[in-house]
């Protein structure tokens, strides 16, 4: 079937990724120095989708200013979801612009063009909905699917047991009738969910097809997931910077000292400076206009744009926001930790630390594994940081 339009849901904040989403929506967080949403749009354009509809909400200017009115020649129409009332509610915002079968994707989950094309090829006018599935050990963490002869017989959001092995990849093809179906779906806790609508269709024996798909699927729910997403992207070379050695990507305007060492896979963004005897990588993304001081060691980490790391710092499994200032000799050793996200403690999460936008870390500070430092937090030199530090807080020795 020919499908030319896609609706991309990019309105959510990503509350479980705080404090990184304070000033930008989750789809604009980096994956190999590129917004996650940019990878999604690449997959669609590569699959010959020519009509893009972005549903935006939280910090929507960050999306609109970055992408403008078109992406790689495909026009973009923006639809605003003023209140985050679920994925179904988000989709309804594009209702007046869609009058034929179309795709729906999440703007915060990286997929391959091959996946998109397989859904398009499988969908026909006899299906009310077609969705992509993949066998994955993460099915219990996200959305699980049961199939029988390519028909979806059950859709379960975050099942309590691990008997499910097929994961809902969040790539859908729908006919225009889906909008009326969503409107008639009862709200759950005030929200409309696409998966609730699909479950109702299944209960009515409507035709919901599941297609087993291939290619990358990478999603970030919690801060430590961003490290896995970066690793997935780097291993596949899904970056803008040129490859100067196997899995080593360095922008033409970056300045790498001849005594610095890069361990692949690694990407270094434009206008970035890496000092002498610095060691960067593996599985590390250094963003645009970043300065890494002499003798610093950064591995399995993401250092976002406009940040500064002074000499002899050691950062392992660290995720920073933008315009972060990390003093000389700061140490974040990484390792498993118990991390508090909202009101839940996640045990043995692999996370060195998160340092959100415009935070300042004084020299010779040690950051315990699992620490989350809020935007504009200020840590005095020589301190020891553990746990969650609020936005704008000042921590003294």
Protein backbone atom coordinates (compact mmCIF):
# COMPACT_ATOMS: atom_id res chain seq x y z
CA UNK A 1 0.00 0.00 0.00
CA UNK A 2 1.18 3.54 -0.70
CA UNK A 3 1.36 5.72 2.39
CA UNK A 4 2.72 9.25 2.14
CA UNK A 5 1.87 10.89 5.49
CA UNK A 6 3.15 10.33 9.00
CA UNK A 7 2.24 11.80 12.37
CA UNK A 8 5.11 11.94 14.84
CA UNK A 9 4.22 12.32 18.51
CA UNK A 10 6.74 14.72 20.04
CA UNK A 11 4.75 16.65 22.64
CA UNK A 12 5.81 14.92 25.84
CA UNK A 13 8.27 16.20 28.41
CA UNK A 14 9.73 12.87 29.43
CA UNK A 15 9.28 13.31 33.19
CA UNK A 16 11.34 10.21 34.00
CA UNK A 17 14.29 11.81 32.19
CA UNK A 18 14.35 14.85 34.45
CA UNK A 19 16.38 16.91 35.08
CA UNK A 20 17.54 16.73 31.44
CA UNK A 21 14.10 17.64 30.08
CA UNK A 22 13.65 20.84 32.05
CA UNK A 23 14.36 23.05 29.04
CA UNK A 24 13.70 20.72 26.09
CA UNK A 25 11.34 17.89 25.22
CA UNK A 26 12.50 14.30 25.35
CA UNK A 27 12.64 13.88 21.54
CA UNK A 28 15.27 16.65 21.40
CA UNK A 29 17.69 14.89 23.73
CA UNK A 30 20.90 13.84 21.98
CA UNK A 31 21.62 10.51 20.33
CA UNK A 32 25.09 10.62 18.79
CA UNK A 33 25.09 14.46 18.79
CA UNK A 34 21.76 14.54 16.96
CA UNK A 35 18.27 14.91 18.45
CA UNK A 36 16.46 11.60 18.79
CA UNK A 37 13.66 13.10 16.70
CA UNK A 38 16.03 13.73 13.81
CA UNK A 39 16.74 10.00 13.58
CA UNK A 40 12.98 9.33 13.46
CA UNK A 41 12.48 11.80 10.62
CA UNK A 42 15.40 10.27 8.72
CA UNK A 43 13.73 6.86 8.87
CA UNK A 44 10.50 8.31 7.50
CA UNK A 45 12.08 10.27 4.66
CA UNK A 46 14.23 7.27 3.72
CA UNK A 47 11.00 5.27 3.49
CA UNK A 48 9.60 7.84 1.02
CA UNK A 49 7.24 9.58 3.42
CA UNK A 50 6.69 13.03 1.94
CA UNK A 51 4.18 14.62 4.34
CA UNK A 52 5.32 15.05 7.95
CA UNK A 53 3.09 16.08 10.85
CA UNK A 54 4.72 16.83 14.21
CA UNK A 55 2.60 17.00 17.33
CA UNK A 56 4.47 19.27 19.74
CA UNK A 57 3.83 20.55 23.25
CA UNK A 58 6.42 20.83 26.02
CA UNK A 59 9.09 23.36 24.99
CA UNK A 60 7.76 23.15 21.44
CA UNK A 61 9.90 26.07 20.27
CA UNK A 62 12.95 23.84 20.62
CA UNK A 63 11.47 21.50 18.02
CA UNK A 64 10.12 24.14 15.65
CA UNK A 65 13.26 26.28 15.70
CA UNK A 66 15.45 23.26 14.98
CA UNK A 67 13.46 21.74 12.10
CA UNK A 68 11.61 24.70 10.63
CA UNK A 69 9.08 24.15 7.85
CA UNK A 70 10.64 21.10 6.18
CA UNK A 71 13.08 18.25 6.70
CA UNK A 72 15.15 16.98 3.79
CA UNK A 73 12.60 18.40 1.38
CA UNK A 74 9.54 16.95 3.14
CA UNK A 75 7.18 19.67 4.43
CA UNK A 76 6.40 19.71 8.15
CA UNK A 77 3.04 20.68 9.60
CA UNK A 78 2.99 21.36 13.35
CA UNK A 79 0.07 20.51 15.64
CA UNK A 80 0.05 21.67 19.25
CA UNK A 81 -1.02 19.54 22.20
CA UNK A 82 -1.41 22.14 24.95
CA UNK A 83 -1.92 19.58 27.70
CA UNK A 84 -0.26 16.18 27.75
CA UNK A 85 -3.35 13.98 27.94
CA UNK A 86 -2.00 10.81 26.37
CA UNK A 87 -0.84 9.52 23.00
CA UNK A 88 -4.37 9.22 21.64
CA UNK A 89 -5.15 12.81 22.57
CA UNK A 90 -1.90 13.88 20.88
CA UNK A 91 -2.87 12.07 17.69
CA UNK A 92 -6.28 13.75 17.63
CA UNK A 93 -4.56 17.12 17.26
CA UNK A 94 -3.66 16.16 13.65
CA UNK A 95 -7.14 14.89 12.78
CA UNK A 96 -8.16 17.73 10.46
CA UNK A 97 -5.02 17.32 8.34
CA UNK A 98 -5.32 13.58 7.62
CA UNK A 99 -7.83 12.04 5.20
CA UNK A 100 -6.12 8.82 4.07
CA UNK A 101 -4.15 5.95 5.59
CA UNK A 102 -1.11 7.19 7.47
CA UNK A 103 1.70 6.25 9.84
CA UNK A 104 2.12 7.13 13.51
CA UNK A 105 5.48 7.02 15.29
CA UNK A 106 6.80 8.09 18.64
CA UNK A 107 9.25 10.95 18.33
CA UNK A 108 11.44 9.63 21.13
CA UNK A 109 12.18 6.11 19.83
CA UNK A 110 14.79 5.50 17.15
CA UNK A 111 13.66 3.15 14.38
CA UNK A 112 15.04 2.16 11.01
CA UNK A 113 13.65 3.02 7.59
CA UNK A 114 13.40 -0.73 6.99
CA UNK A 115 11.00 -1.03 9.92
CA UNK A 116 8.82 1.77 8.55
CA UNK A 117 8.79 0.22 5.08
CA UNK A 118 7.82 -3.20 6.43
CA UNK A 119 4.78 -1.69 8.17
CA UNK A 120 3.79 0.16 5.00
CA UNK A 121 4.12 -3.01 2.91
CA UNK A 122 2.06 -5.07 5.37
CA UNK A 123 -0.81 -2.61 5.74
CA UNK A 124 -3.86 -2.90 3.49
CA UNK A 125 -7.25 -1.23 3.36
CA UNK A 126 -8.77 -4.24 5.15
CA UNK A 127 -6.79 -3.49 8.33
CA UNK A 128 -8.03 -0.97 10.85
CA UNK A 129 -4.51 -0.91 12.27
CA UNK A 130 -1.12 -2.43 11.58
CA UNK A 131 1.71 -2.30 14.10
CA UNK A 132 5.33 -3.37 14.15
CA UNK A 133 6.63 -5.93 16.63
CA UNK A 134 10.00 -7.39 17.46
CA UNK A 135 11.13 -10.18 19.74
CA UNK A 136 12.82 -8.54 22.71
CA UNK A 137 13.67 -9.20 26.33
CA UNK A 138 12.41 -5.66 27.00
CA UNK A 139 8.81 -6.51 26.13
CA UNK A 140 7.82 -6.56 29.79
CA UNK A 141 9.27 -3.06 30.27
CA UNK A 142 7.38 -1.45 27.41
CA UNK A 143 4.37 -2.79 25.53
CA UNK A 144 3.90 -6.49 24.86
CA UNK A 145 2.08 -8.16 21.97
CA UNK A 146 0.57 -11.58 21.29
CA UNK A 147 0.26 -12.69 17.66
CA UNK A 148 -1.69 -15.45 15.97
CA UNK A 149 -1.29 -15.80 12.21
CA UNK A 150 -0.11 -12.19 11.96
CA UNK A 151 -3.18 -10.95 13.84
CA UNK A 152 -2.71 -9.15 17.13
CA UNK A 153 -4.70 -11.00 19.77
CA UNK A 154 -3.50 -9.09 22.82
CA UNK A 155 -1.75 -5.82 23.60
CA UNK A 156 -0.47 -5.37 27.14
CA UNK A 157 1.20 -2.23 28.48
CA UNK A 158 4.05 -3.14 30.84
CA UNK A 159 2.90 -6.64 31.81
CA UNK A 160 3.70 -7.76 35.32
CA UNK A 161 5.19 -11.07 34.27
CA UNK A 162 7.88 -11.95 31.75
CA UNK A 163 5.92 -14.45 29.67
CA UNK A 164 5.68 -11.93 26.82
CA UNK A 165 8.52 -11.80 24.29
CA UNK A 166 7.12 -9.66 21.48
CA UNK A 167 7.53 -5.91 21.89
CA UNK A 168 5.32 -3.22 20.38
CA UNK A 169 7.78 -0.99 18.53
CA UNK A 170 5.45 1.98 18.37
CA UNK A 171 5.28 2.19 14.57
CA UNK A 172 1.66 2.11 13.40
CA UNK A 173 -0.33 2.35 10.18
CA UNK A 174 -3.95 3.48 10.53
CA UNK A 175 -6.92 4.37 8.40
CA UNK A 176 -8.66 7.71 9.09
CA UNK A 177 -11.35 5.85 11.06
CA UNK A 178 -8.88 5.57 13.94
CA UNK A 179 -9.71 9.13 15.00
CA UNK A 180 -13.33 8.26 15.76
CA UNK A 181 -12.18 5.11 17.53
CA UNK A 182 -9.88 7.16 19.77
CA UNK A 183 -12.63 9.63 20.59
CA UNK A 184 -14.92 6.80 21.70
CA UNK A 185 -12.24 5.22 23.92
CA UNK A 186 -12.80 5.75 27.65
CA UNK A 187 -10.08 7.79 29.31
CA UNK A 188 -7.75 6.21 31.84
CA UNK A 189 -6.73 8.62 34.60
CA UNK A 190 -7.87 11.44 32.34
CA UNK A 191 -5.74 10.34 29.38
CA UNK A 192 -6.45 8.84 25.97
CA UNK A 193 -4.03 6.13 24.90
CA UNK A 194 -3.50 4.74 21.40
CA UNK A 195 -2.85 1.29 22.85
CA UNK A 196 -6.17 1.39 24.75
CA UNK A 197 -7.93 2.10 21.46
CA UNK A 198 -6.14 -0.77 19.74
CA UNK A 199 -7.06 -3.10 22.61
CA UNK A 200 -10.72 -2.16 22.15
CA UNK A 201 -10.44 -2.93 18.44
CA UNK A 202 -8.99 -6.35 19.24
CA UNK A 203 -11.83 -7.06 21.69
CA UNK A 204 -14.32 -6.27 18.89
CA UNK A 205 -12.47 -8.65 16.53
CA UNK A 206 -11.53 -5.76 14.27
CA UNK A 207 -8.61 -6.42 11.96
CA UNK A 208 -5.37 -5.47 13.73
CA UNK A 209 -2.30 -6.84 12.01
CA UNK A 210 1.10 -7.33 13.60
CA UNK A 211 4.18 -7.43 11.40
CA UNK A 212 7.54 -8.68 12.62
CA UNK A 213 10.08 -6.03 11.69
CA UNK A 214 13.84 -5.64 11.62
CA UNK A 215 16.37 -2.89 12.20
CA UNK A 216 17.36 -0.67 15.09
CA UNK A 217 14.91 0.09 17.87
CA UNK A 218 16.32 2.17 20.69
CA UNK A 219 14.43 4.12 23.33
CA UNK A 220 15.26 6.11 26.44
CA UNK A 221 12.87 6.00 29.37
CA UNK A 222 15.34 6.81 32.14
CA UNK A 223 18.58 8.84 32.14
CA UNK A 224 20.83 5.78 31.96
CA UNK A 225 19.00 4.62 28.83
CA UNK A 226 20.53 7.58 26.96
CA UNK A 227 23.90 5.85 27.27
CA UNK A 228 22.51 2.72 25.58
CA UNK A 229 20.87 4.81 22.86
CA UNK A 230 24.17 6.59 22.17
CA UNK A 231 25.96 3.24 21.99
CA UNK A 232 23.37 1.88 19.51
CA UNK A 233 23.67 4.96 17.31
CA UNK A 234 27.48 5.05 17.36
CA UNK A 235 27.80 1.35 16.57
CA UNK A 236 25.76 1.94 13.40
CA UNK A 237 27.44 5.20 12.42
CA UNK A 238 24.20 7.19 12.57
CA UNK A 239 26.00 10.51 13.03
CA UNK A 240 26.63 13.61 10.93
CA UNK A 241 30.37 13.85 11.51
CA UNK A 242 32.76 12.23 9.00
CA UNK A 243 34.46 8.93 9.82
CA UNK A 244 38.22 9.51 10.18
CA UNK A 245 38.99 5.98 11.42
CA UNK A 246 36.82 2.89 12.02
CA UNK A 247 33.85 4.03 14.17
CA UNK A 248 35.66 7.28 14.97
CA UNK A 249 33.68 10.32 13.82
CA UNK A 250 35.23 13.78 14.06
CA UNK A 251 33.80 17.04 12.72
CA UNK A 252 36.01 18.96 10.30
CA UNK A 253 36.11 21.96 12.64
CA UNK A 254 37.04 19.99 15.77
CA UNK A 255 40.55 20.39 17.18
CA UNK A 256 42.05 17.18 18.55
CA UNK A 257 45.50 17.50 20.12
CA UNK A 258 48.00 15.08 18.63
CA UNK A 259 48.63 13.64 22.10
CA UNK A 260 44.93 12.96 22.75
CA UNK A 261 43.52 9.43 22.37
CA UNK A 262 40.15 8.50 20.89
CA UNK A 263 38.75 5.01 21.55
CA UNK A 264 36.05 3.92 19.11
CA UNK A 265 33.18 4.14 18.89
CA UNK A 266 33.28 7.87 19.50
CA UNK A 267 31.96 11.07 17.95
CA UNK A 268 33.41 14.58 18.34
CA UNK A 269 31.20 17.50 17.34
CA UNK A 270 31.99 20.72 15.46
CA UNK A 271 34.14 23.45 17.06
CA UNK A 272 35.12 21.16 19.91
CA UNK A 273 38.62 21.14 21.39
CA UNK A 274 40.25 18.07 22.95
CA UNK A 275 43.39 18.83 24.97
CA UNK A 276 46.68 16.92 25.19
CA UNK A 277 46.71 13.49 26.85
CA UNK A 278 42.94 13.47 27.10
CA UNK A 279 41.38 10.04 26.58
CA UNK A 280 37.90 9.95 25.01
CA UNK A 281 35.77 6.84 24.54
CA UNK A 282 34.64 4.23 23.91
CA UNK A 283 30.88 4.74 23.51
CA UNK A 284 31.22 8.47 23.99
CA UNK A 285 29.58 11.43 22.26
CA UNK A 286 31.12 14.88 22.65
CA UNK A 287 28.83 17.61 21.35
CA UNK A 288 29.36 20.89 19.55
CA UNK A 289 31.57 23.65 20.98
CA UNK A 290 32.81 21.56 23.90
CA UNK A 291 36.22 21.97 25.53
CA UNK A 292 37.90 18.96 27.12
CA UNK A 293 40.97 19.85 29.18
CA UNK A 294 44.36 18.16 29.18
CA UNK A 295 44.56 14.76 30.83
CA UNK A 296 40.82 14.28 31.22
CA UNK A 297 39.34 10.80 30.80
CA UNK A 298 35.78 10.48 29.50
CA UNK A 299 34.29 7.10 28.65
CA UNK A 300 30.81 5.66 28.08
CA UNK A 301 29.49 9.21 28.39
CA UNK A 302 27.56 12.01 26.70
CA UNK A 303 28.91 15.56 26.99
CA UNK A 304 26.37 17.87 25.39
CA UNK A 305 26.93 21.12 23.50
CA UNK A 306 28.66 24.23 24.86
CA UNK A 307 30.06 22.41 27.89
CA UNK A 308 33.50 22.65 29.44
CA UNK A 309 35.50 19.94 31.20
CA UNK A 310 38.67 21.27 32.82
CA UNK A 311 41.96 19.31 33.01
CA UNK A 312 42.34 15.94 34.71
CA UNK A 313 38.65 15.23 35.18
CA UNK A 314 37.43 11.63 35.05
CA UNK A 315 33.87 11.04 33.85
CA UNK A 316 32.47 7.53 33.45
CA UNK A 317 28.87 6.78 32.43
CA UNK A 318 28.11 10.48 32.71
CA UNK A 319 25.34 12.35 30.89
CA UNK A 320 25.45 16.14 30.81
CA UNK A 321 23.04 18.73 29.59
CA UNK A 322 24.11 21.82 27.67
CA UNK A 323 26.49 24.55 28.87
CA UNK A 324 27.74 22.52 31.83
CA UNK A 325 30.98 23.61 33.56
CA UNK A 326 33.02 20.82 35.16
CA UNK A 327 36.08 21.84 37.12
CA UNK A 328 39.60 20.41 37.15
CA UNK A 329 40.05 17.05 38.80
CA UNK A 330 36.32 16.28 39.10
CA UNK A 331 35.72 12.55 39.41
CA UNK A 332 32.55 10.64 38.50
CA UNK A 333 33.69 7.00 38.68
CA UNK A 334 30.49 5.39 37.40
CA UNK A 335 29.16 1.98 38.31
CA UNK A 336 25.86 0.48 39.46
CA UNK A 337 23.80 2.62 41.80
CA UNK A 338 20.37 3.07 43.29
CA UNK A 339 18.81 6.04 41.48
CA UNK A 340 15.70 7.90 42.59
CA UNK A 341 13.52 8.93 39.66
CA UNK A 342 10.39 10.76 40.84
CA UNK A 343 9.17 8.60 43.72
CA UNK A 344 10.75 5.32 42.64
CA UNK A 345 14.15 3.91 43.55
CA UNK A 346 15.74 1.98 40.69
CA UNK A 347 18.29 -0.46 42.05
CA UNK A 348 21.60 -1.22 40.35
CA UNK A 349 21.12 1.21 37.49
CA UNK A 350 24.29 1.70 35.46
CA UNK A 351 24.78 5.42 35.72
CA UNK A 352 27.73 7.52 36.75
CA UNK A 353 25.77 10.75 37.07
CA UNK A 354 23.56 13.27 35.30
CA UNK A 355 24.60 16.92 35.26
CA UNK A 356 21.79 19.06 33.84
CA UNK A 357 21.96 22.30 31.84
CA UNK A 358 24.18 25.12 33.10
CA UNK A 359 25.23 23.31 36.26
CA UNK A 360 28.67 24.16 37.65
CA UNK A 361 30.87 21.59 39.38
CA UNK A 362 33.82 22.97 41.34
CA UNK A 363 37.27 21.39 40.98
CA UNK A 364 38.29 18.24 42.87
CA UNK A 365 34.64 17.29 43.47
CA UNK A 366 33.68 13.63 43.60
CA UNK A 367 30.25 12.66 42.26
CA UNK A 368 28.86 9.39 43.56
CA UNK A 369 27.32 6.91 41.09
CA UNK A 370 23.68 7.61 40.40
CA UNK A 371 23.69 11.29 41.35
CA UNK A 372 21.26 13.57 39.49
CA UNK A 373 22.24 17.25 39.49
CA UNK A 374 19.55 19.70 38.48
CA UNK A 375 19.86 22.65 36.09
CA UNK A 376 21.99 25.55 37.33
CA UNK A 377 23.08 23.65 40.43
CA UNK A 378 26.39 24.86 41.84
CA UNK A 379 28.76 22.51 43.63
CA UNK A 380 31.61 24.05 45.60
CA UNK A 381 35.14 22.83 44.90
CA UNK A 382 36.32 19.80 46.83
CA UNK A 383 32.86 18.54 47.64
CA UNK A 384 31.25 15.11 47.57
CA UNK A 385 27.91 14.83 45.77
CA UNK A 386 25.43 12.02 46.15
CA UNK A 387 21.72 11.54 45.49
CA UNK A 388 19.52 14.16 43.83
CA UNK A 389 20.46 17.85 43.82
CA UNK A 390 17.62 20.26 43.08
CA UNK A 391 17.55 22.87 40.35
CA UNK A 392 19.54 25.96 41.32
CA UNK A 393 20.79 24.44 44.57
CA UNK A 394 24.18 25.39 45.97
CA UNK A 395 26.18 22.66 47.66
CA UNK A 396 29.03 23.67 49.91
CA UNK A 397 31.65 21.59 51.63
